[in-house]
Amino acid sequence: MNQSKGEASDARPGFDTSVAGKQAECDGGHAIPGTRYAGRQEFTGTLTGEYVDHGEPVWRWYLLARLTRKPEGYPGDSVWCESGNLFILEEGSG
């Protein structure tokens, strides 16, 4: 998800207590600088419970923070993950 969120005028933030604090994995794609191609990126971290819904049909994006796995050179400590690419890890795993 675009970090600026400013272009999503219909963004509706919320908080989901059922996922807050759970470990999760998220995967997706990202543009490869200097090319017209995208590469796969994988993240592991802790869900904050924060989400943003936008669009119709609704796309829900969850905030994954305290990253324990991220692509080499990824500058952030958190990432927004589309719900369809988010996988909550089983209790006690990791």
N, C-alpha and C. Protein backbone atom coordinates (compact mmCIF):
# COMPACT_ATOMS: atom_id res chain seq x y z
N MET A 1 0.85 -1.18 0.00
CA MET A 1 0.00 0.00 0.00
C MET A 1 0.89 1.23 0.00
N ASN A 2 0.50 2.21 -0.70
CA ASN A 2 1.24 3.46 -0.73
C ASN A 2 1.28 4.05 0.67
N GLN A 3 2.49 4.31 1.17
CA GLN A 3 2.65 4.81 2.53
C GLN A 3 1.99 6.17 2.74
N SER A 4 1.83 6.97 1.68
CA SER A 4 1.30 8.32 1.86
C SER A 4 -0.18 8.33 2.20
N LYS A 5 -0.93 7.37 1.79
CA LYS A 5 -2.36 7.27 2.04
C LYS A 5 -3.13 8.52 1.66
N GLY A 6 -2.45 9.61 1.30
CA GLY A 6 -3.13 10.85 0.98
C GLY A 6 -4.01 10.76 -0.25
N GLU A 7 -3.69 9.85 -1.16
CA GLU A 7 -4.48 9.73 -2.38
C GLU A 7 -5.74 8.92 -2.16
N ALA A 8 -5.90 8.27 -1.04
CA ALA A 8 -7.08 7.45 -0.76
C ALA A 8 -8.08 8.26 0.06
N SER A 9 -8.85 9.10 -0.63
CA SER A 9 -9.77 10.00 0.07
C SER A 9 -10.89 9.25 0.78
N ASP A 10 -11.15 8.01 0.37
CA ASP A 10 -12.21 7.25 1.02
C ASP A 10 -11.67 6.29 2.08
N ALA A 11 -10.43 6.48 2.52
CA ALA A 11 -9.82 5.60 3.52
C ALA A 11 -10.58 5.69 4.84
N ARG A 12 -10.85 4.50 5.40
CA ARG A 12 -11.57 4.41 6.67
C ARG A 12 -10.72 3.60 7.65
N PRO A 13 -10.02 4.26 8.56
CA PRO A 13 -9.17 3.54 9.51
C PRO A 13 -9.99 2.85 10.60
N GLY A 14 -9.39 1.82 11.18
CA GLY A 14 -10.05 1.11 12.27
C GLY A 14 -9.04 0.31 13.08
N PHE A 15 -9.55 -0.46 14.03
CA PHE A 15 -8.70 -1.28 14.90
C PHE A 15 -9.39 -2.62 15.12
N ASP A 16 -8.67 -3.71 14.91
CA ASP A 16 -9.20 -5.06 15.04
C ASP A 16 -8.51 -5.76 16.21
N THR A 17 -9.20 -5.83 17.34
CA THR A 17 -8.62 -6.45 18.54
C THR A 17 -8.33 -7.93 18.35
N SER A 18 -9.03 -8.59 17.43
CA SER A 18 -8.85 -10.03 17.25
C SER A 18 -7.49 -10.39 16.63
N VAL A 19 -6.81 -9.44 16.00
CA VAL A 19 -5.50 -9.73 15.41
C VAL A 19 -4.36 -8.98 16.10
N ALA A 20 -4.67 -8.00 16.92
CA ALA A 20 -3.64 -7.19 17.58
C ALA A 20 -2.70 -8.06 18.39
N GLY A 21 -1.41 -7.91 18.16
CA GLY A 21 -0.39 -8.64 18.90
C GLY A 21 -0.04 -10.00 18.32
N LYS A 22 -0.73 -10.43 17.28
CA LYS A 22 -0.45 -11.75 16.68
C LYS A 22 0.70 -11.65 15.68
N GLN A 23 1.48 -12.72 15.64
CA GLN A 23 2.56 -12.84 14.66
C GLN A 23 1.95 -13.20 13.31
N ALA A 24 2.49 -12.62 12.25
CA ALA A 24 1.95 -12.87 10.91
C ALA A 24 3.04 -12.75 9.86
N GLU A 25 2.74 -13.33 8.71
CA GLU A 25 3.59 -13.20 7.54
C GLU A 25 2.78 -12.49 6.46
N CYS A 26 3.48 -11.75 5.63
CA CYS A 26 2.84 -10.99 4.57
C CYS A 26 3.74 -11.08 3.35
N ASP A 27 3.14 -11.28 2.19
CA ASP A 27 3.95 -11.25 0.98
C ASP A 27 3.26 -10.41 -0.07
N GLY A 28 4.06 -9.95 -0.99
CA GLY A 28 3.53 -9.11 -2.05
C GLY A 28 4.62 -8.76 -3.03
N GLY A 29 4.33 -7.81 -3.90
CA GLY A 29 5.29 -7.42 -4.91
C GLY A 29 5.70 -5.97 -4.75
N HIS A 30 6.82 -5.64 -5.34
CA HIS A 30 7.33 -4.27 -5.29
C HIS A 30 8.13 -4.04 -6.55
N ALA A 31 8.07 -2.83 -7.06
CA ALA A 31 8.83 -2.49 -8.27
C ALA A 31 10.33 -2.62 -8.03
N ILE A 32 11.03 -3.16 -9.01
CA ILE A 32 12.48 -3.23 -8.95
C ILE A 32 13.01 -1.94 -9.57
N PRO A 33 13.74 -1.13 -8.77
CA PRO A 33 14.21 0.17 -9.26
C PRO A 33 14.97 0.04 -10.58
N GLY A 34 14.66 0.95 -11.52
CA GLY A 34 15.34 0.99 -12.79
C GLY A 34 14.83 0.00 -13.82
N THR A 35 13.74 -0.73 -13.49
CA THR A 35 13.18 -1.69 -14.43
C THR A 35 11.67 -1.51 -14.53
N ARG A 36 11.06 -2.27 -15.43
CA ARG A 36 9.60 -2.29 -15.52
C ARG A 36 9.05 -3.53 -14.81
N TYR A 37 9.85 -4.18 -14.00
CA TYR A 37 9.48 -5.44 -13.38
C TYR A 37 9.26 -5.30 -11.88
N ALA A 38 8.61 -6.29 -11.33
CA ALA A 38 8.40 -6.33 -9.88
C ALA A 38 9.00 -7.62 -9.34
N GLY A 39 9.37 -7.58 -8.07
CA GLY A 39 9.91 -8.76 -7.40
C GLY A 39 9.08 -9.09 -6.18
N ARG A 40 9.25 -10.29 -5.69
CA ARG A 40 8.51 -10.77 -4.53
C ARG A 40 9.18 -10.25 -3.26
N GLN A 41 8.35 -9.83 -2.29
CA GLN A 41 8.87 -9.40 -1.00
C GLN A 41 8.11 -10.15 0.09
N GLU A 42 8.83 -10.55 1.14
CA GLU A 42 8.20 -11.27 2.25
C GLU A 42 8.57 -10.59 3.56
N PHE A 43 7.58 -10.53 4.45
CA PHE A 43 7.74 -9.89 5.75
C PHE A 43 7.18 -10.80 6.84
N THR A 44 7.76 -10.74 8.03
CA THR A 44 7.21 -11.37 9.22
C THR A 44 7.30 -10.34 10.33
N GLY A 45 6.26 -10.27 11.15
CA GLY A 45 6.25 -9.31 12.25
C GLY A 45 5.01 -9.48 13.10
N THR A 46 4.67 -8.42 13.82
CA THR A 46 3.54 -8.42 14.75
C THR A 46 2.47 -7.46 14.26
N LEU A 47 1.24 -7.95 14.18
CA LEU A 47 0.12 -7.10 13.78
C LEU A 47 -0.21 -6.12 14.90
N THR A 48 -0.37 -4.86 14.54
CA THR A 48 -0.70 -3.84 15.54
C THR A 48 -2.20 -3.82 15.85
N GLY A 49 -3.00 -4.34 14.93
CA GLY A 49 -4.46 -4.24 15.04
C GLY A 49 -5.01 -3.10 14.20
N GLU A 50 -4.15 -2.16 13.82
CA GLU A 50 -4.60 -1.04 12.99
C GLU A 50 -4.86 -1.53 11.57
N TYR A 51 -5.91 -1.00 10.96
CA TYR A 51 -6.18 -1.30 9.56
C TYR A 51 -6.77 -0.08 8.89
N VAL A 52 -6.75 -0.12 7.56
CA VAL A 52 -7.38 0.91 6.74
C VAL A 52 -8.19 0.18 5.66
N ASP A 53 -9.47 0.53 5.56
CA ASP A 53 -10.32 0.03 4.48
C ASP A 53 -10.44 1.14 3.44
N HIS A 54 -10.39 0.76 2.17
CA HIS A 54 -10.65 1.75 1.13
C HIS A 54 -11.14 1.04 -0.12
N GLY A 55 -11.82 1.81 -0.95
CA GLY A 55 -12.30 1.30 -2.22
C GLY A 55 -13.64 0.60 -2.12
N GLU A 56 -14.14 0.24 -3.30
CA GLU A 56 -15.39 -0.50 -3.40
C GLU A 56 -15.25 -1.46 -4.57
N PRO A 57 -15.13 -2.76 -4.38
CA PRO A 57 -15.26 -3.43 -3.09
C PRO A 57 -14.09 -3.06 -2.17
N VAL A 58 -14.32 -3.23 -0.90
CA VAL A 58 -13.36 -2.79 0.12
C VAL A 58 -12.08 -3.63 0.08
N TRP A 59 -10.96 -2.94 0.12
CA TRP A 59 -9.66 -3.56 0.32
C TRP A 59 -9.25 -3.21 1.74
N ARG A 60 -8.88 -4.20 2.53
CA ARG A 60 -8.43 -3.95 3.90
C ARG A 60 -6.92 -4.19 3.97
N TRP A 61 -6.23 -3.22 4.55
CA TRP A 61 -4.78 -3.26 4.73
C TRP A 61 -4.48 -3.21 6.23
N TYR A 62 -3.69 -4.18 6.71
CA TYR A 62 -3.30 -4.24 8.13
C TYR A 62 -1.87 -3.77 8.29
N LEU A 63 -1.58 -3.16 9.44
CA LEU A 63 -0.23 -2.70 9.73
C LEU A 63 0.54 -3.80 10.47
N LEU A 64 1.64 -4.24 9.85
CA LEU A 64 2.54 -5.25 10.42
C LEU A 64 3.79 -4.51 10.88
N ALA A 65 4.12 -4.63 12.17
CA ALA A 65 5.22 -3.86 12.75
C ALA A 65 6.21 -4.80 13.45
N ARG A 66 7.24 -4.21 14.06
CA ARG A 66 8.28 -4.98 14.74
C ARG A 66 8.72 -6.15 13.84
N LEU A 67 9.13 -5.80 12.65
CA LEU A 67 9.46 -6.80 11.64
C LEU A 67 10.67 -7.63 12.05
N THR A 68 10.51 -8.94 11.97
CA THR A 68 11.61 -9.87 12.23
C THR A 68 12.18 -10.43 10.93
N ARG A 69 11.45 -10.25 9.84
CA ARG A 69 11.93 -10.62 8.51
C ARG A 69 11.43 -9.55 7.55
N LYS A 70 12.35 -9.05 6.73
CA LYS A 70 12.01 -8.06 5.72
C LYS A 70 13.06 -8.14 4.62
N PRO A 71 12.75 -7.63 3.44
CA PRO A 71 13.73 -7.68 2.34
C PRO A 71 15.00 -6.90 2.68
N GLU A 72 16.10 -7.38 2.17
CA GLU A 72 17.37 -6.69 2.38
C GLU A 72 17.24 -5.25 1.88
N GLY A 73 17.65 -4.31 2.70
CA GLY A 73 17.60 -2.91 2.32
C GLY A 73 16.27 -2.23 2.57
N TYR A 74 15.26 -2.98 3.04
CA TYR A 74 13.96 -2.35 3.32
C TYR A 74 14.16 -1.38 4.47
N PRO A 75 13.81 -0.10 4.30
CA PRO A 75 14.16 0.91 5.28
C PRO A 75 13.23 1.00 6.50
N GLY A 76 12.04 0.45 6.43
CA GLY A 76 11.07 0.66 7.50
C GLY A 76 11.05 -0.43 8.55
N ASP A 77 10.37 -0.13 9.65
CA ASP A 77 10.15 -1.09 10.73
C ASP A 77 8.73 -1.63 10.70
N SER A 78 7.95 -1.19 9.71
CA SER A 78 6.57 -1.64 9.58
C SER A 78 6.19 -1.61 8.10
N VAL A 79 5.07 -2.30 7.79
CA VAL A 79 4.60 -2.35 6.41
C VAL A 79 3.09 -2.57 6.43
N TRP A 80 2.38 -1.98 5.47
CA TRP A 80 0.95 -2.22 5.31
C TRP A 80 0.78 -3.43 4.42
N CYS A 81 -0.05 -4.39 4.84
CA CYS A 81 -0.26 -5.64 4.11
C CYS A 81 -1.73 -5.79 3.73
N GLU A 82 -1.98 -6.10 2.46
CA GLU A 82 -3.34 -6.36 2.01
C GLU A 82 -3.81 -7.66 2.65
N SER A 83 -5.04 -7.68 3.13
CA SER A 83 -5.53 -8.82 3.93
C SER A 83 -5.43 -10.15 3.19
N GLY A 84 -5.56 -10.16 1.88
CA GLY A 84 -5.46 -11.40 1.13
C GLY A 84 -4.06 -11.98 1.06
N ASN A 85 -3.06 -11.17 1.40
CA ASN A 85 -1.66 -11.61 1.39
C ASN A 85 -1.09 -11.73 2.79
N LEU A 86 -1.96 -11.79 3.78
CA LEU A 86 -1.56 -11.81 5.18
C LEU A 86 -1.90 -13.17 5.77
N PHE A 87 -0.94 -13.78 6.45
CA PHE A 87 -1.12 -15.11 7.01
C PHE A 87 -0.74 -15.09 8.49
N ILE A 88 -1.73 -15.26 9.36
CA ILE A 88 -1.49 -15.27 10.80
C ILE A 88 -0.87 -16.61 11.17
N LEU A 89 0.24 -16.55 11.91
CA LEU A 89 0.94 -17.76 12.31
C LEU A 89 0.21 -18.42 13.47
N GLU A 90 0.33 -19.73 13.55
CA GLU A 90 -0.32 -20.47 14.64
C GLU A 90 0.27 -20.06 15.97
N GLU A 91 -0.55 -20.18 17.01
CA GLU A 91 -0.08 -19.88 18.37
C GLU A 91 1.14 -20.74 18.66
N GLY A 92 2.16 -20.10 19.23
CA GLY A 92 3.35 -20.84 19.63
C GLY A 92 4.35 -21.08 18.51
N SER A 93 4.05 -20.67 17.28
CA SER A 93 5.02 -20.86 16.20
C SER A 93 5.92 -19.64 16.11
N GLY A 94 7.03 -19.80 15.42
CA GLY A 94 7.94 -18.69 15.21
C GLY A 94 8.99 -18.74 16.17
